[in-house]
């Protein structure tokens, strides 16, 4: 009897594998095969839309993308031995980074300069644009997702209450999310304009923060902040919608019990609402973080080739420079950065599950 049961179990397992085989084949064709192709192309010097012979270059593309270096700059001294002052910036002058940065086998370019323990250093990379695109995308992701989560939670807590006109307000709240990114990007481009057309400049001038002509989209210090503002305006309703769905699953009775026990609003939020909505919050964070890391259209429409996100950099190398191998290497690096964020979130989710 036990022998027959064992044979039946093995027969069912075999049948299950046969039934799953088509799914594995389809998954391989639509997911793993393109991924493998990108990996293999990243090891070549393949040109996009070219019949030129493709050469295997190994890790050259990755070295060009990711080679970085920090070097100390010596102060420039005058005839009396005192450090010279830069007449343009009125700051202490140091030797030009070009004089000390390596040029072979790859040419390093300065990304930024900084002081550390009284010494002056230059941070350089063989492809500063790619390194900057990684930094900009990560800053954009962290800050925009953080702001969207906080504002989304505030909006969700308000919208969950019963008040006259709640239905209409919920519909109005979703309007920014419903507008296509191409349209909202152009709209905000006008709003950030450094003329009287730019309403942001007009508002800042009212408060005395700017002279009404500040170039938010061309000044390097405010470009990423402008992108964060646009994304927060557009995507906060999506976060609020997800969090509202989680808040609606909490039984109202537990809040009544907490009030009777003397818990104030802040205590109810941290000790009851947050633990009960934590799983929903994690799902919302995963969705938004992965989406923000892949941001393309916003940077591409507003900045074109002036400043890149990781995805728009890979696009630029493929379409404009025709460097398919180099673009594939950039895409592989982006894949691993996104994979790192997935692993972090998976560990956090596992932590939550273990607490249960």
Protein backbone atom coordinates (compact mmCIF):
# COMPACT_ATOMS: atom_id res chain seq x y z
CA UNK A 1 0.00 0.00 0.00
CA UNK A 2 2.83 2.39 0.93
CA UNK A 3 4.73 1.38 -2.23
CA UNK A 4 1.72 2.27 -4.41
CA UNK A 5 1.37 5.64 -2.68
CA UNK A 6 5.05 6.40 -3.30
CA UNK A 7 4.73 5.48 -7.00
CA UNK A 8 1.63 7.64 -7.32
CA UNK A 9 3.45 10.57 -5.72
CA UNK A 10 6.41 10.24 -8.11
CA UNK A 11 4.02 9.95 -11.05
CA UNK A 12 2.26 13.18 -10.00
CA UNK A 13 5.59 14.99 -9.62
CA UNK A 14 6.61 13.86 -13.11
CA UNK A 15 3.28 15.04 -14.53
CA UNK A 16 3.68 18.41 -12.76
CA UNK A 17 7.13 18.87 -14.31
CA UNK A 18 5.78 18.05 -17.78
CA UNK A 19 2.92 20.54 -17.33
CA UNK A 20 5.32 23.24 -16.10
CA UNK A 21 7.77 22.70 -18.96
CA UNK A 22 5.97 25.05 -21.44
CA UNK A 23 5.97 27.80 -18.79
CA UNK A 24 9.72 27.38 -18.25
CA UNK A 25 10.36 27.53 -22.01
CA UNK A 26 8.27 30.72 -22.38
CA UNK A 27 9.96 32.28 -19.32
CA UNK A 28 13.37 31.48 -20.81
CA UNK A 29 12.46 32.97 -24.18
CA UNK A 30 10.89 36.21 -22.93
CA UNK A 31 13.08 36.89 -19.89
CA UNK A 32 16.33 34.99 -19.59
CA UNK A 33 17.28 34.92 -23.27
CA UNK A 34 17.13 38.78 -23.70
CA UNK A 35 18.96 39.16 -20.38
CA UNK A 36 21.67 36.75 -21.53
CA UNK A 37 21.92 38.63 -24.85
CA UNK A 38 22.49 41.95 -23.02
CA UNK A 39 25.18 40.32 -20.86
CA UNK A 40 26.98 38.84 -23.88
CA UNK A 41 26.70 42.09 -25.90
CA UNK A 42 28.21 44.05 -23.00
CA UNK A 43 31.46 42.12 -23.54
CA UNK A 44 31.80 43.31 -27.15
CA UNK A 45 32.32 46.54 -29.08
CA UNK A 46 29.12 46.02 -31.09
CA UNK A 47 27.73 49.10 -32.86
CA UNK A 48 24.01 49.68 -33.15
CA UNK A 49 22.63 49.31 -36.73
CA UNK A 50 26.10 48.58 -38.12
CA UNK A 51 27.53 45.72 -40.21
CA UNK A 52 31.00 46.21 -38.73
CA UNK A 53 32.71 43.06 -37.43
CA UNK A 54 32.03 42.64 -33.71
CA UNK A 55 35.07 42.14 -31.47
CA UNK A 56 35.17 40.56 -28.02
CA UNK A 57 36.59 43.20 -25.63
CA UNK A 58 36.09 41.39 -22.31
CA UNK A 59 35.58 43.77 -19.36
CA UNK A 60 36.76 46.91 -21.22
CA UNK A 61 33.28 48.47 -21.30
CA UNK A 62 32.87 47.96 -17.54
CA UNK A 63 36.32 49.43 -16.85
CA UNK A 64 35.47 52.53 -18.91
CA UNK A 65 32.16 52.89 -17.08
CA UNK A 66 33.22 52.24 -13.50
CA UNK A 67 36.91 53.20 -13.12
CA UNK A 68 37.19 55.83 -10.38
CA UNK A 69 40.06 57.44 -8.53
CA UNK A 70 40.67 59.86 -5.65
CA UNK A 71 43.91 61.88 -5.83
CA UNK A 72 45.36 64.63 -3.66
CA UNK A 73 45.94 68.06 -5.25
CA UNK A 74 48.98 70.04 -4.13
CA UNK A 75 48.48 73.74 -3.22
CA UNK A 76 49.90 76.34 -5.62
CA UNK A 77 52.48 78.56 -3.91
CA UNK A 78 53.71 82.02 -4.85
CA UNK A 79 57.32 83.25 -4.75
CA UNK A 80 57.11 83.90 -0.98
CA UNK A 81 55.87 80.35 -0.28
CA UNK A 82 52.28 81.34 0.50
CA UNK A 83 49.34 79.56 -1.10
CA UNK A 84 47.96 81.45 -4.09
CA UNK A 85 44.31 82.60 -4.27
CA UNK A 86 42.16 81.83 -7.31
CA UNK A 87 41.14 85.24 -8.70
CA UNK A 88 37.85 83.82 -10.04
CA UNK A 89 36.55 81.99 -6.97
CA UNK A 90 38.61 83.86 -4.32
CA UNK A 91 39.45 80.48 -2.79
CA UNK A 92 42.87 78.80 -2.23
CA UNK A 93 44.35 77.62 -5.54
CA UNK A 94 45.45 74.02 -6.17
CA UNK A 95 47.14 72.28 -9.08
CA UNK A 96 44.99 71.39 -12.08
CA UNK A 97 43.55 67.82 -11.81
CA UNK A 98 44.57 67.24 -15.45
CA UNK A 99 48.23 67.38 -14.38
CA UNK A 100 47.97 64.32 -12.11
CA UNK A 101 45.07 62.22 -13.41
CA UNK A 102 46.05 59.14 -15.47
CA UNK A 103 45.44 59.18 -19.22
CA UNK A 104 46.36 55.58 -20.03
CA UNK A 105 44.82 53.08 -20.59
CA UNK A 106 41.72 55.25 -19.95
CA UNK A 107 41.55 58.98 -19.48
CA UNK A 108 40.23 60.08 -16.08
CA UNK A 109 38.13 63.25 -15.80
CA UNK A 110 37.44 65.24 -12.64
CA UNK A 111 33.95 64.77 -11.16
CA UNK A 112 34.28 66.89 -8.00
CA UNK A 113 36.81 68.33 -5.56
CA UNK A 114 36.63 68.26 -1.79
CA UNK A 115 38.61 68.94 1.40
CA UNK A 116 39.35 66.22 3.95
CA UNK A 117 41.41 66.74 7.13
CA UNK A 118 43.00 69.90 5.74
CA UNK A 119 43.98 68.33 2.40
CA UNK A 120 42.41 68.95 -1.00
CA UNK A 121 41.35 65.99 -3.18
CA UNK A 122 39.82 65.40 -6.59
CA UNK A 123 37.36 62.59 -7.30
CA UNK A 124 37.76 61.44 -10.90
CA UNK A 125 36.19 58.84 -13.18
CA UNK A 126 36.71 57.58 -16.70
CA UNK A 127 33.03 58.27 -17.48
CA UNK A 128 31.88 61.08 -15.16
CA UNK A 129 28.46 61.27 -16.82
CA UNK A 130 27.63 57.66 -15.93
CA UNK A 131 28.89 58.03 -12.36
CA UNK A 132 26.86 61.24 -11.99
CA UNK A 133 23.79 59.54 -13.47
CA UNK A 134 24.05 56.80 -10.81
CA UNK A 135 24.39 59.38 -8.02
CA UNK A 136 21.56 61.53 -9.37
CA UNK A 137 19.23 58.55 -9.81
CA UNK A 138 19.88 57.20 -6.30
CA UNK A 139 19.40 60.67 -4.72
CA UNK A 140 16.26 61.16 -6.82
CA UNK A 141 14.95 57.71 -5.77
CA UNK A 142 15.64 58.02 -2.05
CA UNK A 143 14.29 61.57 -1.61
CA UNK A 144 11.28 61.30 -3.93
CA UNK A 145 10.14 57.96 -2.45
CA UNK A 146 10.65 59.28 1.09
CA UNK A 147 8.61 62.44 0.42
CA UNK A 148 5.92 60.53 -1.49
CA UNK A 149 5.59 58.05 1.39
CA UNK A 150 5.22 60.77 4.05
CA UNK A 151 2.80 62.90 2.00
CA UNK A 152 0.94 59.81 0.76
CA UNK A 153 0.41 58.63 4.35
CA UNK A 154 -0.87 62.07 5.42
CA UNK A 155 -3.30 62.20 2.48
CA UNK A 156 -4.42 58.60 3.07
CA UNK A 157 -5.12 59.30 6.76
CA UNK A 158 -7.25 62.31 5.77
CA UNK A 159 -9.06 60.53 2.95
CA UNK A 160 -9.96 57.55 5.12
CA UNK A 161 -12.16 59.80 7.26
CA UNK A 162 -15.82 60.41 6.51
CA UNK A 163 -16.51 64.02 5.47
CA UNK A 164 -18.72 65.75 2.87
CA UNK A 165 -17.22 65.74 -0.64
CA UNK A 166 -14.79 62.90 0.09
CA UNK A 167 -15.60 61.11 -3.19
CA UNK A 168 -14.94 64.19 -5.33
CA UNK A 169 -11.73 64.95 -3.46
CA UNK A 170 -10.49 61.39 -4.07
CA UNK A 171 -11.08 61.79 -7.81
CA UNK A 172 -9.35 65.21 -7.86
CA UNK A 173 -6.41 63.75 -5.93
CA UNK A 174 -5.74 61.23 -8.72
CA UNK A 175 -5.60 63.84 -11.53
CA UNK A 176 -1.78 64.40 -11.35
CA UNK A 177 -1.19 60.63 -11.53
CA UNK A 178 -3.52 60.30 -14.53
CA UNK A 179 -1.68 62.96 -16.57
CA UNK A 180 0.94 61.37 -18.90
CA UNK A 181 4.54 62.02 -17.81
CA UNK A 182 5.35 63.69 -21.14
CA UNK A 183 2.58 66.24 -20.56
CA UNK A 184 3.34 66.87 -16.88
CA UNK A 185 7.08 67.22 -17.65
CA UNK A 186 6.42 69.95 -20.23
CA UNK A 187 3.93 71.62 -17.90
CA UNK A 188 6.46 71.79 -15.05
CA UNK A 189 9.18 72.88 -17.48
CA UNK A 190 7.14 76.03 -18.08
CA UNK A 191 6.39 76.42 -14.38
CA UNK A 192 10.14 76.33 -13.60
CA UNK A 193 10.99 78.80 -16.40
CA UNK A 194 13.30 81.67 -15.42
CA UNK A 195 10.89 84.28 -16.80
CA UNK A 196 7.48 85.66 -15.77
CA UNK A 197 5.99 82.52 -17.36
CA UNK A 198 7.48 80.44 -14.54
CA UNK A 199 4.99 80.51 -11.68
CA UNK A 200 7.53 78.94 -9.31
CA UNK A 201 9.84 81.92 -9.85
CA UNK A 202 6.94 84.34 -9.31
CA UNK A 203 6.03 82.65 -5.99
CA UNK A 204 9.67 82.60 -4.86
CA UNK A 205 9.97 86.30 -5.71
CA UNK A 206 6.89 87.09 -3.58
CA UNK A 207 8.62 85.49 -0.60
CA UNK A 208 11.91 87.21 -1.46
CA UNK A 209 13.79 83.95 -2.08
CA UNK A 210 14.83 84.73 -5.67
CA UNK A 211 14.87 87.70 -8.04
CA UNK A 212 12.19 86.01 -10.16
CA UNK A 213 14.67 84.78 -12.77
CA UNK A 214 16.32 81.81 -11.09
CA UNK A 215 17.14 79.06 -13.65
CA UNK A 216 15.90 76.03 -11.71
CA UNK A 217 16.34 73.66 -14.67
CA UNK A 218 19.74 74.90 -15.82
CA UNK A 219 21.46 75.57 -12.47
CA UNK A 220 23.28 72.35 -11.57
CA UNK A 221 22.46 72.69 -7.85
CA UNK A 222 18.67 72.66 -8.38
CA UNK A 223 18.21 70.32 -11.34
CA UNK A 224 17.73 67.12 -9.31
CA UNK A 225 15.53 68.95 -6.78
CA UNK A 226 13.29 70.10 -9.64
CA UNK A 227 12.99 66.48 -10.84
CA UNK A 228 12.10 65.38 -7.30
CA UNK A 229 9.41 68.07 -7.06
CA UNK A 230 7.82 66.99 -10.34
CA UNK A 231 7.87 63.31 -9.39
CA UNK A 232 6.46 63.96 -5.90
CA UNK A 233 3.61 66.03 -7.39
CA UNK A 234 2.80 63.32 -9.91
CA UNK A 235 3.23 60.11 -7.91
CA UNK A 236 2.14 60.98 -4.37
CA UNK A 237 -1.51 60.19 -5.26
CA UNK A 238 -0.43 56.66 -6.25
CA UNK A 239 1.23 56.15 -2.86
CA UNK A 240 -1.82 57.59 -1.09
CA UNK A 241 -4.07 55.19 -3.01
CA UNK A 242 -2.00 52.14 -2.02
CA UNK A 243 -1.78 53.23 1.63
CA UNK A 244 -5.50 53.98 1.74
CA UNK A 245 -6.17 50.39 0.65
CA UNK A 246 -4.06 49.18 3.59
CA UNK A 247 -5.71 51.54 6.09
CA UNK A 248 -9.18 50.35 5.08
CA UNK A 249 -8.33 46.80 6.19
CA UNK A 250 -7.82 47.93 9.82
CA UNK A 251 -10.94 47.21 11.93
CA UNK A 252 -12.28 50.52 13.37
CA UNK A 253 -13.10 48.76 16.65
CA UNK A 254 -9.47 48.59 17.76
CA UNK A 255 -9.20 52.39 17.61
CA UNK A 256 -12.29 52.71 19.82
CA UNK A 257 -10.73 50.28 22.31
CA UNK A 258 -7.46 52.27 22.24
CA UNK A 259 -9.34 55.52 22.92
CA UNK A 260 -11.05 53.93 25.91
CA UNK A 261 -7.59 52.82 27.16
CA UNK A 262 -6.43 56.45 26.96
CA UNK A 263 -4.18 56.33 23.85
CA UNK A 264 -3.83 59.69 22.11
CA UNK A 265 -3.71 60.14 18.30
CA UNK A 266 0.09 59.94 18.07
CA UNK A 267 0.22 56.73 20.14
CA UNK A 268 -2.56 55.16 18.06
CA UNK A 269 -0.65 55.98 14.86
CA UNK A 270 2.74 54.54 15.91
CA UNK A 271 1.51 51.58 17.99
CA UNK A 272 -1.51 50.51 15.94
CA UNK A 273 -1.70 52.04 12.48
CA UNK A 274 1.95 51.61 11.47
CA UNK A 275 2.32 47.93 12.53
CA UNK A 276 -0.98 47.02 10.86
CA UNK A 277 -0.20 48.85 7.62
CA UNK A 278 3.50 47.86 7.48
CA UNK A 279 3.08 45.13 4.84
CA UNK A 280 1.12 47.45 2.55
CA UNK A 281 3.72 50.16 3.09
CA UNK A 282 6.53 47.77 2.09
CA UNK A 283 4.72 46.78 -1.11
CA UNK A 284 4.20 50.46 -1.97
CA UNK A 285 7.87 51.22 -1.26
CA UNK A 286 9.04 48.35 -3.48
CA UNK A 287 6.83 49.49 -6.38
CA UNK A 288 7.87 53.12 -6.15
CA UNK A 289 11.56 52.48 -5.51
CA UNK A 290 11.96 50.19 -8.51
CA UNK A 291 9.96 52.60 -10.65
CA UNK A 292 12.07 55.58 -9.53
CA UNK A 293 15.34 53.72 -10.18
CA UNK A 294 14.21 53.13 -13.77
CA UNK A 295 13.17 56.76 -14.31
CA UNK A 296 13.70 57.70 -17.95
CA UNK A 297 11.00 59.88 -19.51
CA UNK A 298 11.18 62.69 -16.92
CA UNK A 299 14.96 63.24 -17.29
CA UNK A 300 14.87 62.66 -21.05
CA UNK A 301 12.07 65.18 -21.71
CA UNK A 302 13.28 67.93 -19.37
CA UNK A 303 17.06 67.64 -19.75
CA UNK A 304 17.58 65.72 -23.02
CA UNK A 305 21.41 65.32 -23.01
CA UNK A 306 22.21 67.96 -20.38
CA UNK A 307 21.86 65.58 -17.44
CA UNK A 308 21.10 61.87 -17.33
CA UNK A 309 19.32 59.33 -15.21
CA UNK A 310 20.80 55.81 -15.40
CA UNK A 311 18.20 54.72 -17.95
CA UNK A 312 18.49 57.83 -20.14
CA UNK A 313 22.31 57.44 -20.13
CA UNK A 314 21.98 53.88 -21.50
CA UNK A 315 19.49 55.15 -24.09
CA UNK A 316 21.84 57.96 -25.15
CA UNK A 317 24.77 55.57 -25.63
CA UNK A 318 22.64 53.21 -27.72
CA UNK A 319 20.64 55.60 -29.92
CA UNK A 320 22.85 58.68 -30.26
CA UNK A 321 26.34 57.19 -29.91
CA UNK A 322 25.42 53.82 -31.50
CA UNK A 323 27.61 52.09 -28.87
CA UNK A 324 25.50 49.01 -28.32
CA UNK A 325 28.14 47.10 -26.33
CA UNK A 326 28.83 50.07 -24.06
CA UNK A 327 25.09 50.72 -23.56
CA UNK A 328 24.57 47.03 -22.72
CA UNK A 329 27.33 47.23 -20.08
CA UNK A 330 25.59 50.29 -18.56
CA UNK A 331 22.29 48.37 -18.55
CA UNK A 332 23.94 45.44 -16.75
CA UNK A 333 25.28 47.80 -14.06
CA UNK A 334 21.78 49.31 -13.70
CA UNK A 335 20.35 45.78 -13.41
CA UNK A 336 22.67 44.96 -10.51
CA UNK A 337 21.91 48.26 -8.73
CA UNK A 338 18.17 47.53 -8.96
CA UNK A 339 18.85 43.94 -7.85
CA UNK A 340 20.66 45.32 -4.78
CA UNK A 341 17.58 47.36 -3.82
CA UNK A 342 15.36 44.27 -4.33
CA UNK A 343 17.61 42.24 -2.00
CA UNK A 344 17.46 45.00 0.65
CA UNK A 345 13.66 45.13 0.47
CA UNK A 346 13.44 41.33 0.51
CA UNK A 347 15.53 41.24 3.68
CA UNK A 348 13.30 43.91 5.25
CA UNK A 349 10.18 41.98 4.23
CA UNK A 350 11.68 38.80 5.68
CA UNK A 351 12.32 40.66 8.91
CA UNK A 352 8.70 41.67 9.04
CA UNK A 353 7.57 38.10 8.40
CA UNK A 354 9.81 36.77 11.15
CA UNK A 355 8.31 39.16 13.63
CA UNK A 356 4.88 37.68 13.08
